[in-house]
Each structure stands twice: as C-alpha cells, then as structure tokens.
Amino acid sequence: MPTGCCPGARWTLPGVERALAFTPAERARVADRDWLDYGARDEHVIDGPLRVWRTAAAAGRGLCTVALHVH
C-alpha cells in the first residue's frame, strides 16, 4: 500500500473474501458450534462480516472493528 494512501476496505477485500469463503462442510461445522439464537430476519454470524466488508468497499470506505470479550 502506498504511503499516505488510505484505500479503505477495497484494498483488503480480496484477502478477506478468501478467508471468509466457507465450504458447505465448514459452514455445517460452524452451525454445529453456533450457540446464538437467530430470528427469522437475523443474519448468521459468519455472513455478516463479509457483507459489511463488501458494503464498505463498494462505498469506498474503511472499517473500524472492536473486539469485546465478556467473562
């Protein structure tokens, strides 16, 4: 990435898509371990991050993330 340039989510999108491209078998394993309760209109936990990344990339925006661990 060039110095002084902020290309936003577009620059990293290809790598993120590769990392979050789950096979049907991987999706099934995730579903078996997922303890979240989903409503009829809720997005699955493995679908949301890639959708948000693609939306930011399409808009020419960046992303900010937060990790929260509740004990």
C-alpha atoms as a PDB file:
ATOM      1  CA  MET A   1       0.000   0.000   0.000  1.00  0.00           C
ATOM      2  CA  PRO A   2       1.427   3.415  -0.918  1.00  0.00           C
ATOM      3  CA  THR A   3       2.494   5.710   1.912  1.00  0.00           C
ATOM      4  CA  GLY A   4      -0.058   8.369   2.733  1.00  0.00           C
ATOM      5  CA  CYS A   5      -2.810   6.493   0.927  1.00  0.00           C
ATOM      6  CA  CYS A   6      -5.907   5.124   2.583  1.00  0.00           C
ATOM      7  CA  PRO A   7      -7.699   2.880   0.070  1.00  0.00           C
ATOM      8  CA  GLY A   8     -10.195   1.658   2.627  1.00  0.00           C
ATOM      9  CA  ALA A   9     -11.794  -1.757   2.566  1.00  0.00           C
ATOM     10  CA  ARG A  10     -11.258  -2.277  -1.177  1.00  0.00           C
ATOM     11  CA  TRP A  11      -7.556  -2.918  -0.708  1.00  0.00           C
ATOM     12  CA  THR A  12      -8.089  -5.826   1.682  1.00  0.00           C
ATOM     13  CA  LEU A  13     -11.356  -7.213   0.277  1.00  0.00           C
ATOM     14  CA  PRO A  14      -9.812  -9.984  -1.880  1.00  0.00           C
ATOM     15  CA  GLY A  15      -7.957 -11.466   1.101  1.00  0.00           C
ATOM     16  CA  VAL A  16     -10.997 -11.153   3.337  1.00  0.00           C
ATOM     17  CA  GLU A  17     -13.158 -12.898   0.740  1.00  0.00           C
ATOM     18  CA  ARG A  18     -10.645 -15.766   0.560  1.00  0.00           C
ATOM     19  CA  ALA A  19     -10.505 -16.033   4.356  1.00  0.00           C
ATOM     20  CA  LEU A  20     -14.281 -15.962   4.811  1.00  0.00           C
ATOM     21  CA  ALA A  21     -15.239 -18.192   1.870  1.00  0.00           C
ATOM     22  CA  PHE A  22     -16.581 -21.190   3.760  1.00  0.00           C
ATOM     23  CA  THR A  23     -17.205 -24.519   2.069  1.00  0.00           C
ATOM     24  CA  PRO A  24     -20.528 -26.243   2.757  1.00  0.00           C
ATOM     25  CA  ALA A  25     -18.739 -28.620   5.168  1.00  0.00           C
ATOM     26  CA  GLU A  26     -17.144 -25.691   7.036  1.00  0.00           C
ATOM     27  CA  ARG A  27     -20.492 -23.898   7.253  1.00  0.00           C
ATOM     28  CA  ALA A  28     -22.049 -27.052   8.717  1.00  0.00           C
ATOM     29  CA  ARG A  29     -19.291 -27.285  11.370  1.00  0.00           C
ATOM     30  CA  VAL A  30     -19.825 -23.634  12.276  1.00  0.00           C
ATOM     31  CA  ALA A  31     -23.583 -24.171  12.540  1.00  0.00           C
ATOM     32  CA  ASP A  32     -22.987 -27.095  14.907  1.00  0.00           C
ATOM     33  CA  ARG A  33     -20.905 -24.882  17.213  1.00  0.00           C
ATOM     34  CA  ASP A  34     -23.023 -21.728  16.957  1.00  0.00           C
ATOM     35  CA  TRP A  35     -24.924 -21.138  20.188  1.00  0.00           C
ATOM     36  CA  LEU A  36     -26.629 -17.918  19.077  1.00  0.00           C
ATOM     37  CA  ASP A  37     -30.393 -17.786  18.651  1.00  0.00           C
ATOM     38  CA  TYR A  38     -31.458 -16.308  15.317  1.00  0.00           C
ATOM     39  CA  GLY A  39     -34.752 -14.726  14.479  1.00  0.00           C
ATOM     40  CA  ALA A  40     -36.357 -15.091  11.065  1.00  0.00           C
ATOM     41  CA  ARG A  41     -34.678 -11.904   9.783  1.00  0.00           C
ATOM     42  CA  ASP A  42     -31.336 -12.239  11.587  1.00  0.00           C
ATOM     43  CA  GLU A  43     -28.093 -12.621   9.693  1.00  0.00           C
ATOM     44  CA  HIS A  44     -25.875 -15.578  10.552  1.00  0.00           C
ATOM     45  CA  VAL A  45     -22.668 -14.718  12.392  1.00  0.00           C
ATOM     46  CA  ILE A  46     -20.454 -15.989   9.548  1.00  0.00           C
ATOM     47  CA  ASP A  47     -22.300 -13.972   6.884  1.00  0.00           C
ATOM     48  CA  GLY A  48     -22.332 -10.524   8.480  1.00  0.00           C
ATOM     49  CA  PRO A  49     -18.624  -9.621   8.454  1.00  0.00           C
ATOM     50  CA  LEU A  50     -18.153 -10.273   4.734  1.00  0.00           C
ATOM     51  CA  ARG A  51     -21.354  -8.392   3.859  1.00  0.00           C
ATOM     52  CA  VAL A  52     -20.204  -5.383   5.888  1.00  0.00           C
ATOM     53  CA  TRP A  53     -16.727  -5.508   4.309  1.00  0.00           C
ATOM     54  CA  ARG A  54     -18.193  -5.633   0.789  1.00  0.00           C
ATOM     55  CA  THR A  55     -20.540  -2.744   1.567  1.00  0.00           C
ATOM     56  CA  ALA A  56     -17.659  -0.606   2.849  1.00  0.00           C
ATOM     57  CA  ALA A  57     -15.518  -1.478  -0.183  1.00  0.00           C
ATOM     58  CA  ALA A  58     -18.330  -0.602  -2.599  1.00  0.00           C
ATOM     59  CA  ALA A  59     -18.771   2.756  -0.885  1.00  0.00           C
ATOM     60  CA  GLY A  60     -15.030   3.481  -0.874  1.00  0.00           C
ATOM     61  CA  ARG A  61     -14.969   3.440   2.915  1.00  0.00           C
ATOM     62  CA  GLY A  62     -12.789   1.892   5.582  1.00  0.00           C
ATOM     63  CA  LEU A  63     -13.744  -0.211   8.554  1.00  0.00           C
ATOM     64  CA  CYS A  64     -13.238   0.049  12.295  1.00  0.00           C
ATOM     65  CA  THR A  65     -13.546  -3.045  14.434  1.00  0.00           C
ATOM     66  CA  VAL A  66     -13.912  -3.716  18.119  1.00  0.00           C
ATOM     67  CA  ALA A  67     -13.328  -6.973  19.949  1.00  0.00           C
ATOM     68  CA  LEU A  68     -15.251  -7.429  23.167  1.00  0.00           C
ATOM     69  CA  HIS A  69     -14.792 -10.360  25.498  1.00  0.00           C
ATOM     70  CA  VAL A  70     -17.354 -10.801  28.257  1.00  0.00           C
ATOM     71  CA  HIS A  71     -16.364 -13.085  31.105  1.00  0.00           C
END
